């Protein structure tokens, strides 16, 4: 395996994660941290997976976002019927990704669904083997409504071979992630390749974690990893600056993140299913932590001088990857 510095050099300034780096991703099974062991995944506990994501994000921001979002999409292996999940994830390079937006249509047609639409934005699009999407259910030209009069949606898994990728990512950061839109035209999908977010065919603590908690903490560790990498590069430019308080905050935030992950696992093991207050607490913690990380990082950035703004400097790429959402 390449050394971390070699990986960083290969990812610097590129618009797509190179194949040799993707081979490392697959060899380390970073995309399989949330896939159950019965589907040849690592079946990591929540706190274990978070450590992996933070480590990868520290190597490179684009690599971190791609691994976090694609491993998060592979979590849907738990929502698929076991025989379908086994079939797909027998391939060691199986990789899901897609869009969480509600869009497109799924016309019920002779026991299948005919999918049409365009979705934005699927991280890792060039590396995906399957795209996930949400589509509105249609029958006889009309949207299918639930008992409350709301349009019904369902989620689907579609092979890459039946998807058209639209390379339209223009953000200042995440340039190497391949975060592109995609379209599907008149593709028939069998019922077995549809799923519902909160219906699981596996049985583990991870299945019970509310999506908001899962999303908040997996995203937070990405920011922590990039912040650590930023400090390392900032020290090279301004070695006499005092980074101690920022480093201390990063470590304290990481420790509390792990505490929350362990606490959630324990609560779910004890069947404490009412996590509404804890979910609010974690969401607030995540927002406040990212806000403080952002302000502290900016304060340091302003003290680094023009060198940090040069697009041939590693710290410039880290800065862009960190703030691509803002």
C-alpha atoms as a PDB file:
ATOM      1  CA  UNK A   1       0.000   0.000   0.000  1.00  0.00           C
ATOM      2  CA  UNK A   2       1.176   3.508  -0.785  1.00  0.00           C
ATOM      3  CA  UNK A   3       2.244   5.736   2.075  1.00  0.00           C
ATOM      4  CA  UNK A   4      -0.155   8.496   3.138  1.00  0.00           C
ATOM      5  CA  UNK A   5       2.039  11.201   1.608  1.00  0.00           C
ATOM      6  CA  UNK A   6       2.114   9.315  -1.706  1.00  0.00           C
ATOM      7  CA  UNK A   7      -1.683   9.025  -1.688  1.00  0.00           C
ATOM      8  CA  UNK A   8      -1.983  12.756  -0.991  1.00  0.00           C
ATOM      9  CA  UNK A   9       0.390  13.559  -3.849  1.00  0.00           C
ATOM     10  CA  UNK A  10      -1.619  11.423  -6.266  1.00  0.00           C
ATOM     11  CA  UNK A  11      -4.855  13.153  -5.202  1.00  0.00           C
ATOM     12  CA  UNK A  12      -3.498  16.688  -5.335  1.00  0.00           C
ATOM     13  CA  UNK A  13      -5.153  18.819  -8.015  1.00  0.00           C
ATOM     14  CA  UNK A  14      -6.894  15.900  -9.762  1.00  0.00           C
ATOM     15  CA  UNK A  15     -10.488  15.913 -10.990  1.00  0.00           C
ATOM     16  CA  UNK A  16     -11.093  12.217 -10.393  1.00  0.00           C
ATOM     17  CA  UNK A  17      -9.792   9.702  -7.872  1.00  0.00           C
ATOM     18  CA  UNK A  18      -7.226   7.588  -9.791  1.00  0.00           C
ATOM     19  CA  UNK A  19      -7.711   3.853 -10.250  1.00  0.00           C
ATOM     20  CA  UNK A  20      -4.702   2.941  -8.111  1.00  0.00           C
ATOM     21  CA  UNK A  21      -6.176   4.917  -5.197  1.00  0.00           C
ATOM     22  CA  UNK A  22      -9.561   3.265  -5.719  1.00  0.00           C
ATOM     23  CA  UNK A  23      -7.788  -0.096  -5.587  1.00  0.00           C
ATOM     24  CA  UNK A  24      -6.489   0.889  -2.137  1.00  0.00           C
ATOM     25  CA  UNK A  25     -10.027   1.911  -1.114  1.00  0.00           C
ATOM     26  CA  UNK A  26     -11.308  -1.521  -2.086  1.00  0.00           C
ATOM     27  CA  UNK A  27      -8.349  -3.398  -0.587  1.00  0.00           C
ATOM     28  CA  UNK A  28      -8.864  -1.628   2.746  1.00  0.00           C
ATOM     29  CA  UNK A  29     -12.633  -2.256   2.418  1.00  0.00           C
ATOM     30  CA  UNK A  30     -13.390   1.342   3.373  1.00  0.00           C
ATOM     31  CA  UNK A  31     -16.626   1.241   1.385  1.00  0.00           C
ATOM     32  CA  UNK A  32     -17.784  -1.878   3.249  1.00  0.00           C
ATOM     33  CA  UNK A  33     -17.614  -0.611   6.849  1.00  0.00           C
ATOM     34  CA  UNK A  34     -21.426  -0.519   7.188  1.00  0.00           C
ATOM     35  CA  UNK A  35     -22.148  -3.667   5.144  1.00  0.00           C
ATOM     36  CA  UNK A  36     -23.055  -6.621   7.408  1.00  0.00           C
ATOM     37  CA  UNK A  37     -20.589  -9.490   7.651  1.00  0.00           C
ATOM     38  CA  UNK A  38     -23.152 -11.880   6.158  1.00  0.00           C
ATOM     39  CA  UNK A  39     -22.816  -9.865   2.918  1.00  0.00           C
ATOM     40  CA  UNK A  40     -18.992  -9.961   3.047  1.00  0.00           C
ATOM     41  CA  UNK A  41     -18.796  -6.521   4.670  1.00  0.00           C
ATOM     42  CA  UNK A  42     -16.826  -5.446   7.733  1.00  0.00           C
ATOM     43  CA  UNK A  43     -19.950  -4.977   9.853  1.00  0.00           C
ATOM     44  CA  UNK A  44     -18.241  -2.265  11.903  1.00  0.00           C
ATOM     45  CA  UNK A  45     -19.789  -0.947  15.071  1.00  0.00           C
ATOM     46  CA  UNK A  46     -20.805   2.693  14.856  1.00  0.00           C
ATOM     47  CA  UNK A  47     -17.802   4.126  16.696  1.00  0.00           C
ATOM     48  CA  UNK A  48     -15.408   1.886  14.762  1.00  0.00           C
ATOM     49  CA  UNK A  49     -16.716   3.051  11.397  1.00  0.00           C
ATOM     50  CA  UNK A  50     -16.524   6.700  12.443  1.00  0.00           C
ATOM     51  CA  UNK A  51     -12.805   6.274  13.219  1.00  0.00           C
ATOM     52  CA  UNK A  52     -12.225   4.879   9.732  1.00  0.00           C
ATOM     53  CA  UNK A  53     -14.040   7.811   8.103  1.00  0.00           C
ATOM     54  CA  UNK A  54     -12.086  10.385  10.102  1.00  0.00           C
ATOM     55  CA  UNK A  55      -8.777   8.730   9.208  1.00  0.00           C
ATOM     56  CA  UNK A  56      -9.590   8.731   5.483  1.00  0.00           C
ATOM     57  CA  UNK A  57     -10.795  12.361   5.530  1.00  0.00           C
ATOM     58  CA  UNK A  58      -7.497  13.383   7.132  1.00  0.00           C
ATOM     59  CA  UNK A  59      -5.631  11.867   4.179  1.00  0.00           C
ATOM     60  CA  UNK A  60      -7.622  13.892   1.636  1.00  0.00           C
ATOM     61  CA  UNK A  61     -10.940  15.740   1.698  1.00  0.00           C
ATOM     62  CA  UNK A  62     -12.285  14.448  -1.619  1.00  0.00           C
ATOM     63  CA  UNK A  63     -11.297  10.898  -0.712  1.00  0.00           C
ATOM     64  CA  UNK A  64     -12.981  11.327   2.678  1.00  0.00           C
ATOM     65  CA  UNK A  65     -16.246  12.647   1.260  1.00  0.00           C
ATOM     66  CA  UNK A  66     -16.365   9.926  -1.394  1.00  0.00           C
ATOM     67  CA  UNK A  67     -15.719   7.131   1.120  1.00  0.00           C
ATOM     68  CA  UNK A  68     -18.190   8.563   3.654  1.00  0.00           C
ATOM     69  CA  UNK A  69     -21.028   9.051   1.182  1.00  0.00           C
ATOM     70  CA  UNK A  70     -20.499   5.839  -0.794  1.00  0.00           C
ATOM     71  CA  UNK A  71     -20.045   3.678   2.314  1.00  0.00           C
ATOM     72  CA  UNK A  72     -23.175   5.410   3.606  1.00  0.00           C
ATOM     73  CA  UNK A  73     -25.021   4.396   0.439  1.00  0.00           C
ATOM     74  CA  UNK A  74     -23.744   0.822   0.868  1.00  0.00           C
ATOM     75  CA  UNK A  75     -25.567   0.893   4.215  1.00  0.00           C
ATOM     76  CA  UNK A  76     -28.683   0.313   2.075  1.00  0.00           C
ATOM     77  CA  UNK A  77     -27.492  -3.283   1.734  1.00  0.00           C
ATOM     78  CA  UNK A  78     -29.434  -3.715   4.970  1.00  0.00           C
ATOM     79  CA  UNK A  79     -32.650  -2.559   3.294  1.00  0.00           C
ATOM     80  CA  UNK A  80     -32.441  -5.024   0.424  1.00  0.00           C
ATOM     81  CA  UNK A  81     -33.789  -8.554   0.449  1.00  0.00           C
ATOM     82  CA  UNK A  82     -30.965 -10.874   1.567  1.00  0.00           C
ATOM     83  CA  UNK A  83     -30.717 -12.767  -1.716  1.00  0.00           C
ATOM     84  CA  UNK A  84     -30.344  -9.495  -3.644  1.00  0.00           C
ATOM     85  CA  UNK A  85     -27.776  -8.075  -1.203  1.00  0.00           C
ATOM     86  CA  UNK A  86     -25.781 -11.323  -1.382  1.00  0.00           C
ATOM     87  CA  UNK A  87     -25.909 -11.219  -5.169  1.00  0.00           C
ATOM     88  CA  UNK A  88     -24.669  -7.626  -5.414  1.00  0.00           C
ATOM     89  CA  UNK A  89     -22.058  -7.556  -2.667  1.00  0.00           C
ATOM     90  CA  UNK A  90     -20.352 -10.776  -3.703  1.00  0.00           C
ATOM     91  CA  UNK A  91     -18.466  -8.344  -5.919  1.00  0.00           C
ATOM     92  CA  UNK A  92     -15.737  -6.918  -3.646  1.00  0.00           C
ATOM     93  CA  UNK A  93     -15.881  -3.612  -5.550  1.00  0.00           C
ATOM     94  CA  UNK A  94     -19.654  -3.178  -5.335  1.00  0.00           C
ATOM     95  CA  UNK A  95     -20.331   0.469  -4.640  1.00  0.00           C
ATOM     96  CA  UNK A  96     -23.649   2.274  -4.200  1.00  0.00           C
ATOM     97  CA  UNK A  97     -24.193   5.986  -4.540  1.00  0.00           C
ATOM     98  CA  UNK A  98     -26.926   8.295  -5.643  1.00  0.00           C
ATOM     99  CA  UNK A  99     -29.264  11.071  -4.720  1.00  0.00           C
ATOM    100  CA  UNK A 100     -31.481  11.599  -1.716  1.00  0.00           C
ATOM    101  CA  UNK A 101     -33.692  14.025  -3.617  1.00  0.00           C
ATOM    102  CA  UNK A 102     -37.305  13.138  -4.364  1.00  0.00           C
ATOM    103  CA  UNK A 103     -37.559  13.185  -8.129  1.00  0.00           C
ATOM    104  CA  UNK A 104     -38.335  11.205 -11.231  1.00  0.00           C
ATOM    105  CA  UNK A 105     -41.128   8.708 -11.719  1.00  0.00           C
ATOM    106  CA  UNK A 106     -41.591   4.974 -11.308  1.00  0.00           C
ATOM    107  CA  UNK A 107     -44.492   3.817 -13.467  1.00  0.00           C
ATOM    108  CA  UNK A 108     -45.935   0.483 -12.350  1.00  0.00           C
ATOM    109  CA  UNK A 109     -45.853  -1.699 -15.442  1.00  0.00           C
ATOM    110  CA  UNK A 110     -46.598  -5.427 -15.590  1.00  0.00           C
ATOM    111  CA  UNK A 111     -45.226  -6.171 -12.129  1.00  0.00           C
ATOM    112  CA  UNK A 112     -42.187  -3.972 -12.652  1.00  0.00           C
ATOM    113  CA  UNK A 113     -41.371  -0.275 -12.406  1.00  0.00           C
ATOM    114  CA  UNK A 114     -40.391   1.842 -15.380  1.00  0.00           C
ATOM    115  CA  UNK A 115     -38.020   4.554 -14.132  1.00  0.00           C
ATOM    116  CA  UNK A 116     -37.507   7.981 -15.709  1.00  0.00           C
ATOM    117  CA  UNK A 117     -35.897  11.159 -14.424  1.00  0.00           C
ATOM    118  CA  UNK A 118     -32.779  13.135 -13.561  1.00  0.00           C
ATOM    119  CA  UNK A 119     -31.187  13.331 -10.115  1.00  0.00           C
ATOM    120  CA  UNK A 120     -28.471  15.561  -8.556  1.00  0.00           C
ATOM    121  CA  UNK A 121     -25.717  14.879  -7.274  1.00  0.00           C
ATOM    122  CA  UNK A 122     -24.248  11.376  -6.891  1.00  0.00           C
ATOM    123  CA  UNK A 123     -20.843  11.393  -5.191  1.00  0.00           C
ATOM    124  CA  UNK A 124     -18.378   8.928  -6.709  1.00  0.00           C
ATOM    125  CA  UNK A 125     -20.454   8.516  -9.865  1.00  0.00           C
ATOM    126  CA  UNK A 126     -17.613   7.213 -12.086  1.00  0.00           C
ATOM    127  CA  UNK A 127     -16.741   4.553  -9.478  1.00  0.00           C
ATOM    128  CA  UNK A 128     -20.262   3.337  -8.681  1.00  0.00           C
ATOM    129  CA  UNK A 129     -21.523  -0.079  -9.706  1.00  0.00           C
ATOM    130  CA  UNK A 130     -25.118   0.833  -8.764  1.00  0.00           C
ATOM    131  CA  UNK A 131     -27.065   4.061  -8.430  1.00  0.00           C
ATOM    132  CA  UNK A 132     -29.740   4.601  -5.783  1.00  0.00           C
ATOM    133  CA  UNK A 133     -32.627   6.981  -6.339  1.00  0.00           C
ATOM    134  CA  UNK A 134     -36.080   7.931  -5.104  1.00  0.00           C
ATOM    135  CA  UNK A 135     -38.949   8.064  -7.587  1.00  0.00           C
ATOM    136  CA  UNK A 136     -42.643   8.938  -7.381  1.00  0.00           C
ATOM    137  CA  UNK A 137     -44.936   5.944  -7.933  1.00  0.00           C
ATOM    138  CA  UNK A 138     -47.271   6.272 -10.927  1.00  0.00           C
ATOM    139  CA  UNK A 139     -50.086   4.145 -12.314  1.00  0.00           C
ATOM    140  CA  UNK A 140     -52.256   4.822 -15.362  1.00  0.00           C
ATOM    141  CA  UNK A 141     -50.691   8.251 -15.696  1.00  0.00           C
ATOM    142  CA  UNK A 142     -51.495   9.342 -12.151  1.00  0.00           C
ATOM    143  CA  UNK A 143     -49.431   9.633  -9.002  1.00  0.00           C
ATOM    144  CA  UNK A 144     -50.252   7.027  -6.351  1.00  0.00           C
ATOM    145  CA  UNK A 145     -51.349   8.656  -3.108  1.00  0.00           C
ATOM    146  CA  UNK A 146     -51.214   7.381   0.452  1.00  0.00           C
ATOM    147  CA  UNK A 147     -54.128   7.508   2.891  1.00  0.00           C
ATOM    148  CA  UNK A 148     -53.244  11.124   3.746  1.00  0.00           C
ATOM    149  CA  UNK A 149     -53.267  12.274   0.144  1.00  0.00           C
ATOM    150  CA  UNK A 150     -49.481  12.488  -0.193  1.00  0.00           C
ATOM    151  CA  UNK A 151     -47.587  11.279  -3.239  1.00  0.00           C
ATOM    152  CA  UNK A 152     -45.886   7.941  -2.624  1.00  0.00           C
ATOM    153  CA  UNK A 153     -42.185   7.453  -3.335  1.00  0.00           C
ATOM    154  CA  UNK A 154     -39.999   4.377  -3.371  1.00  0.00           C
ATOM    155  CA  UNK A 155     -36.238   3.845  -3.530  1.00  0.00           C
ATOM    156  CA  UNK A 156     -34.528   1.806  -6.247  1.00  0.00           C
ATOM    157  CA  UNK A 157     -31.132   0.314  -7.063  1.00  0.00           C
ATOM    158  CA  UNK A 158     -30.121   0.516 -10.728  1.00  0.00           C
ATOM    159  CA  UNK A 159     -26.927  -0.867 -12.352  1.00  0.00           C
ATOM    160  CA  UNK A 160     -24.501   1.714 -13.678  1.00  0.00           C
ATOM    161  CA  UNK A 161     -24.897   0.294 -17.183  1.00  0.00           C
ATOM    162  CA  UNK A 162     -28.483   1.629 -17.291  1.00  0.00           C
ATOM    163  CA  UNK A 163     -27.638   5.148 -16.102  1.00  0.00           C
ATOM    164  CA  UNK A 164     -26.374   8.200 -17.974  1.00  0.00           C
ATOM    165  CA  UNK A 165     -23.837  10.217 -15.945  1.00  0.00           C
ATOM    166  CA  UNK A 166     -23.872  14.015 -16.312  1.00  0.00           C
ATOM    167  CA  UNK A 167     -20.466  15.481 -15.266  1.00  0.00           C
ATOM    168  CA  UNK A 168     -21.652  18.866 -13.981  1.00  0.00           C
ATOM    169  CA  UNK A 169     -19.945  19.402 -10.597  1.00  0.00           C
ATOM    170  CA  UNK A 170     -18.734  23.028 -10.359  1.00  0.00           C
ATOM    171  CA  UNK A 171     -18.091  23.521  -6.647  1.00  0.00           C
ATOM    172  CA  UNK A 172     -14.725  24.877  -5.481  1.00  0.00           C
ATOM    173  CA  UNK A 173     -14.156  21.723  -3.430  1.00  0.00           C
ATOM    174  CA  UNK A 174     -14.607  17.969  -3.652  1.00  0.00           C
ATOM    175  CA  UNK A 175     -13.273  18.144  -7.193  1.00  0.00           C
ATOM    176  CA  UNK A 176     -11.963  14.585  -7.241  1.00  0.00           C
ATOM    177  CA  UNK A 177     -15.108  12.975  -5.854  1.00  0.00           C
ATOM    178  CA  UNK A 178     -16.892  12.671  -9.193  1.00  0.00           C
ATOM    179  CA  UNK A 179     -20.050  14.162  -7.713  1.00  0.00           C
ATOM    180  CA  UNK A 180     -22.202  14.239 -10.825  1.00  0.00           C
ATOM    181  CA  UNK A 181     -25.867  14.249 -11.752  1.00  0.00           C
ATOM    182  CA  UNK A 182     -27.379  11.283 -13.550  1.00  0.00           C
ATOM    183  CA  UNK A 183     -30.429  10.427 -15.613  1.00  0.00           C
ATOM    184  CA  UNK A 184     -32.461   7.287 -16.241  1.00  0.00           C
ATOM    185  CA  UNK A 185     -34.695   6.764 -19.258  1.00  0.00           C
ATOM    186  CA  UNK A 186     -37.320   4.001 -19.567  1.00  0.00           C
ATOM    187  CA  UNK A 187     -35.428   1.521 -17.391  1.00  0.00           C
ATOM    188  CA  UNK A 188     -37.463  -1.414 -16.075  1.00  0.00           C
ATOM    189  CA  UNK A 189     -36.697  -2.422 -12.486  1.00  0.00           C
ATOM    190  CA  UNK A 190     -38.023  -5.490 -10.705  1.00  0.00           C
ATOM    191  CA  UNK A 191     -39.654  -5.204  -7.282  1.00  0.00           C
ATOM    192  CA  UNK A 192     -36.691  -6.966  -5.652  1.00  0.00           C
ATOM    193  CA  UNK A 193     -34.460  -4.028  -6.561  1.00  0.00           C
ATOM    194  CA  UNK A 194     -36.622  -1.529  -4.707  1.00  0.00           C
ATOM    195  CA  UNK A 195     -36.373  -0.755  -0.999  1.00  0.00           C
ATOM    196  CA  UNK A 196     -37.794   1.353   1.819  1.00  0.00           C
ATOM    197  CA  UNK A 197     -35.405   3.353   4.036  1.00  0.00           C
ATOM    198  CA  UNK A 198     -36.757   2.240   7.405  1.00  0.00           C
ATOM    199  CA  UNK A 199     -37.430  -1.420   6.538  1.00  0.00           C
ATOM    200  CA  UNK A 200     -34.508  -3.756   7.289  1.00  0.00           C
ATOM    201  CA  UNK A 201     -33.771  -7.401   6.497  1.00  0.00           C
ATOM    202  CA  UNK A 202     -30.784  -7.556   8.861  1.00  0.00           C
ATOM    203  CA  UNK A 203     -30.741  -7.494  12.635  1.00  0.00           C
ATOM    204  CA  UNK A 204     -28.118  -5.371  14.345  1.00  0.00           C
ATOM    205  CA  UNK A 205     -27.799  -2.270  16.473  1.00  0.00           C
ATOM    206  CA  UNK A 206     -26.708  -0.289  13.419  1.00  0.00           C
ATOM    207  CA  UNK A 207     -30.099  -0.894  11.785  1.00  0.00           C
ATOM    208  CA  UNK A 208     -31.805   0.975  14.606  1.00  0.00           C
ATOM    209  CA  UNK A 209     -29.696   4.157  14.549  1.00  0.00           C
ATOM    210  CA  UNK A 210     -31.875   7.091  13.430  1.00  0.00           C
ATOM    211  CA  UNK A 211     -30.705   8.408  10.061  1.00  0.00           C
ATOM    212  CA  UNK A 212     -30.233  11.943  11.391  1.00  0.00           C
ATOM    213  CA  UNK A 213     -27.786  10.745  14.060  1.00  0.00           C
ATOM    214  CA  UNK A 214     -25.977   8.563  11.525  1.00  0.00           C
ATOM    215  CA  UNK A 215     -25.666  11.489   9.079  1.00  0.00           C
ATOM    216  CA  UNK A 216     -24.669  14.083  11.684  1.00  0.00           C
ATOM    217  CA  UNK A 217     -21.792  12.049  13.121  1.00  0.00           C
ATOM    218  CA  UNK A 218     -20.480  10.607   9.848  1.00  0.00           C
ATOM    219  CA  UNK A 219     -20.294  14.113   8.374  1.00  0.00           C
ATOM    220  CA  UNK A 220     -18.749  15.587  11.526  1.00  0.00           C
ATOM    221  CA  UNK A 221     -15.796  13.184  11.521  1.00  0.00           C
ATOM    222  CA  UNK A 222     -15.009  14.280   7.950  1.00  0.00           C
ATOM    223  CA  UNK A 223     -14.655  17.866   9.121  1.00  0.00           C
ATOM    224  CA  UNK A 224     -12.470  16.726  12.023  1.00  0.00           C
ATOM    225  CA  UNK A 225     -10.169  14.782   9.714  1.00  0.00           C
ATOM    226  CA  UNK A 226      -9.780  17.687   7.304  1.00  0.00           C
ATOM    227  CA  UNK A 227      -9.206  20.122  10.192  1.00  0.00           C
ATOM    228  CA  UNK A 228      -6.315  17.967  11.471  1.00  0.00           C
ATOM    229  CA  UNK A 229      -4.813  17.825   7.988  1.00  0.00           C
ATOM    230  CA  UNK A 230      -5.223  21.608   7.690  1.00  0.00           C
ATOM    231  CA  UNK A 231      -3.256  22.169  10.900  1.00  0.00           C
ATOM    232  CA  UNK A 232      -0.426  19.935   9.665  1.00  0.00           C
ATOM    233  CA  UNK A 233      -0.102  21.974   6.481  1.00  0.00           C
ATOM    234  CA  UNK A 234      -0.514  25.301   8.330  1.00  0.00           C
ATOM    235  CA  UNK A 235       2.430  24.406  10.579  1.00  0.00           C
ATOM    236  CA  UNK A 236       4.620  24.088   7.491  1.00  0.00           C
ATOM    237  CA  UNK A 237       3.704  27.596   6.354  1.00  0.00           C
ATOM    238  CA  UNK A 238       3.703  29.305   9.768  1.00  0.00           C
ATOM    239  CA  UNK A 239       5.511  27.053  12.271  1.00  0.00           C
ATOM    240  CA  UNK A 240       5.550  29.766  14.970  1.00  0.00           C
ATOM    241  CA  UNK A 241       1.761  30.168  15.120  1.00  0.00           C
ATOM    242  CA  UNK A 242       0.090  28.728  18.214  1.00  0.00           C
ATOM    243  CA  UNK A 243      -2.269  25.939  17.116  1.00  0.00           C
ATOM    244  CA  UNK A 244      -2.641  24.360  20.562  1.00  0.00           C
ATOM    245  CA  UNK A 245      -6.191  25.554  21.297  1.00  0.00           C
ATOM    246  CA  UNK A 246      -7.458  24.459  17.885  1.00  0.00           C
ATOM    247  CA  UNK A 247      -5.819  21.046  18.207  1.00  0.00           C
ATOM    248  CA  UNK A 248      -7.284  20.684  21.702  1.00  0.00           C
ATOM    249  CA  UNK A 249     -10.770  21.486  20.397  1.00  0.00           C
ATOM    250  CA  UNK A 250     -10.425  18.937  17.582  1.00  0.00           C
ATOM    251  CA  UNK A 251      -9.389  16.224  20.049  1.00  0.00           C
ATOM    252  CA  UNK A 252     -12.179  17.084  22.500  1.00  0.00           C
ATOM    253  CA  UNK A 253     -14.760  17.053  19.720  1.00  0.00           C
ATOM    254  CA  UNK A 254     -13.494  13.714  18.437  1.00  0.00           C
ATOM    255  CA  UNK A 255     -13.680  12.239  21.955  1.00  0.00           C
ATOM    256  CA  UNK A 256     -17.244  13.461  22.446  1.00  0.00           C
ATOM    257  CA  UNK A 257     -18.230  12.123  19.029  1.00  0.00           C
ATOM    258  CA  UNK A 258     -16.976   8.683  20.039  1.00  0.00           C
ATOM    259  CA  UNK A 259     -18.795   9.002  23.365  1.00  0.00           C
ATOM    260  CA  UNK A 260     -22.066   9.746  21.559  1.00  0.00           C
ATOM    261  CA  UNK A 261     -21.555   6.792  19.194  1.00  0.00           C
ATOM    262  CA  UNK A 262     -20.931   4.387  22.090  1.00  0.00           C
ATOM    263  CA  UNK A 263     -23.853   5.835  24.041  1.00  0.00           C
ATOM    264  CA  UNK A 264     -26.223   5.368  21.104  1.00  0.00           C
ATOM    265  CA  UNK A 265     -25.113   1.758  20.676  1.00  0.00           C
ATOM    266  CA  UNK A 266     -25.705   1.086  24.376  1.00  0.00           C
ATOM    267  CA  UNK A 267     -29.116   2.753  24.400  1.00  0.00           C
ATOM    268  CA  UNK A 268     -30.244   0.733  21.392  1.00  0.00           C
ATOM    269  CA  UNK A 269     -28.969  -2.500  22.930  1.00  0.00           C
ATOM    270  CA  UNK A 270     -31.107  -1.774  25.971  1.00  0.00           C
ATOM    271  CA  UNK A 271     -34.130  -1.168  23.719  1.00  0.00           C
ATOM    272  CA  UNK A 272     -34.242   2.552  24.567  1.00  0.00           C
ATOM    273  CA  UNK A 273     -35.876   3.407  21.281  1.00  0.00           C
ATOM    274  CA  UNK A 274     -37.053   6.916  22.133  1.00  0.00           C
ATOM    275  CA  UNK A 275     -33.987   8.836  21.060  1.00  0.00           C
ATOM    276  CA  UNK A 276     -35.677  12.109  20.123  1.00  0.00           C
ATOM    277  CA  UNK A 277     -33.943  14.163  22.835  1.00  0.00           C
ATOM    278  CA  UNK A 278     -30.582  12.515  22.190  1.00  0.00           C
ATOM    279  CA  UNK A 279     -31.011  13.072  18.450  1.00  0.00           C
ATOM    280  CA  UNK A 280     -31.610  16.788  19.031  1.00  0.00           C
ATOM    281  CA  UNK A 281     -28.595  16.977  21.344  1.00  0.00           C
ATOM    282  CA  UNK A 282     -26.314  15.306  18.808  1.00  0.00           C
ATOM    283  CA  UNK A 283     -27.576  17.464  15.948  1.00  0.00           C
ATOM    284  CA  UNK A 284     -26.935  20.623  17.961  1.00  0.00           C
ATOM    285  CA  UNK A 285     -23.490  19.333  18.952  1.00  0.00           C
ATOM    286  CA  UNK A 286     -22.671  18.654  15.304  1.00  0.00           C
ATOM    287  CA  UNK A 287     -23.812  22.073  14.120  1.00  0.00           C
ATOM    288  CA  UNK A 288     -21.966  23.914  16.889  1.00  0.00           C
ATOM    289  CA  UNK A 289     -18.805  21.854  16.371  1.00  0.00           C
ATOM    290  CA  UNK A 290     -18.670  22.458  12.613  1.00  0.00           C
ATOM    291  CA  UNK A 291     -19.393  26.151  13.159  1.00  0.00           C
ATOM    292  CA  UNK A 292     -16.517  26.493  15.624  1.00  0.00           C
ATOM    293  CA  UNK A 293     -14.176  24.417  13.456  1.00  0.00           C
ATOM    294  CA  UNK A 294     -15.015  26.702  10.534  1.00  0.00           C
ATOM    295  CA  UNK A 295     -14.404  29.918  12.445  1.00  0.00           C
ATOM    296  CA  UNK A 296     -11.153  28.671  13.959  1.00  0.00           C
ATOM    297  CA  UNK A 297      -9.931  27.393  10.613  1.00  0.00           C
ATOM    298  CA  UNK A 298     -10.694  30.750   8.991  1.00  0.00           C
ATOM    299  CA  UNK A 299      -8.850  32.600  11.749  1.00  0.00           C
ATOM    300  CA  UNK A 300      -5.768  30.507  11.051  1.00  0.00           C
ATOM    301  CA  UNK A 301      -6.171  30.804   7.277  1.00  0.00           C
ATOM    302  CA  UNK A 302      -6.146  34.614   7.479  1.00  0.00           C
ATOM    303  CA  UNK A 303      -2.797  34.456   9.290  1.00  0.00           C
ATOM    304  CA  UNK A 304      -1.103  32.257   6.718  1.00  0.00           C
ATOM    305  CA  UNK A 305      -0.669  34.946   4.080  1.00  0.00           C
ATOM    306  CA  UNK A 306      -0.988  34.722   0.316  1.00  0.00           C
ATOM    307  CA  UNK A 307       0.894  31.410   0.138  1.00  0.00           C
ATOM    308  CA  UNK A 308      -2.174  29.615   1.497  1.00  0.00           C
ATOM    309  CA  UNK A 309      -4.289  30.992  -1.368  1.00  0.00           C
ATOM    310  CA  UNK A 310      -2.089  29.557  -4.116  1.00  0.00           C
ATOM    311  CA  UNK A 311      -3.823  26.747  -5.968  1.00  0.00           C
ATOM    312  CA  UNK A 312      -0.566  24.781  -6.073  1.00  0.00           C
ATOM    313  CA  UNK A 313      -0.484  24.581  -2.257  1.00  0.00           C
ATOM    314  CA  UNK A 314      -2.011  21.535  -0.478  1.00  0.00           C
ATOM    315  CA  UNK A 315      -3.594  23.748   2.183  1.00  0.00           C
ATOM    316  CA  UNK A 316      -5.614  25.553  -0.489  1.00  0.00           C
ATOM    317  CA  UNK A 317      -7.168  22.252  -1.573  1.00  0.00           C
ATOM    318  CA  UNK A 318      -7.967  21.308   2.038  1.00  0.00           C
ATOM    319  CA  UNK A 319      -9.595  24.706   2.560  1.00  0.00           C
ATOM    320  CA  UNK A 320     -11.786  24.276  -0.532  1.00  0.00           C
ATOM    321  CA  UNK A 321     -12.801  20.741   0.428  1.00  0.00           C
ATOM    322  CA  UNK A 322     -13.714  21.856   3.939  1.00  0.00           C
ATOM    323  CA  UNK A 323     -15.869  24.775   2.817  1.00  0.00           C
ATOM    324  CA  UNK A 324     -17.454  23.298  -0.300  1.00  0.00           C
ATOM    325  CA  UNK A 325     -20.869  23.106   1.460  1.00  0.00           C
ATOM    326  CA  UNK A 326     -20.875  26.733   2.579  1.00  0.00           C
END
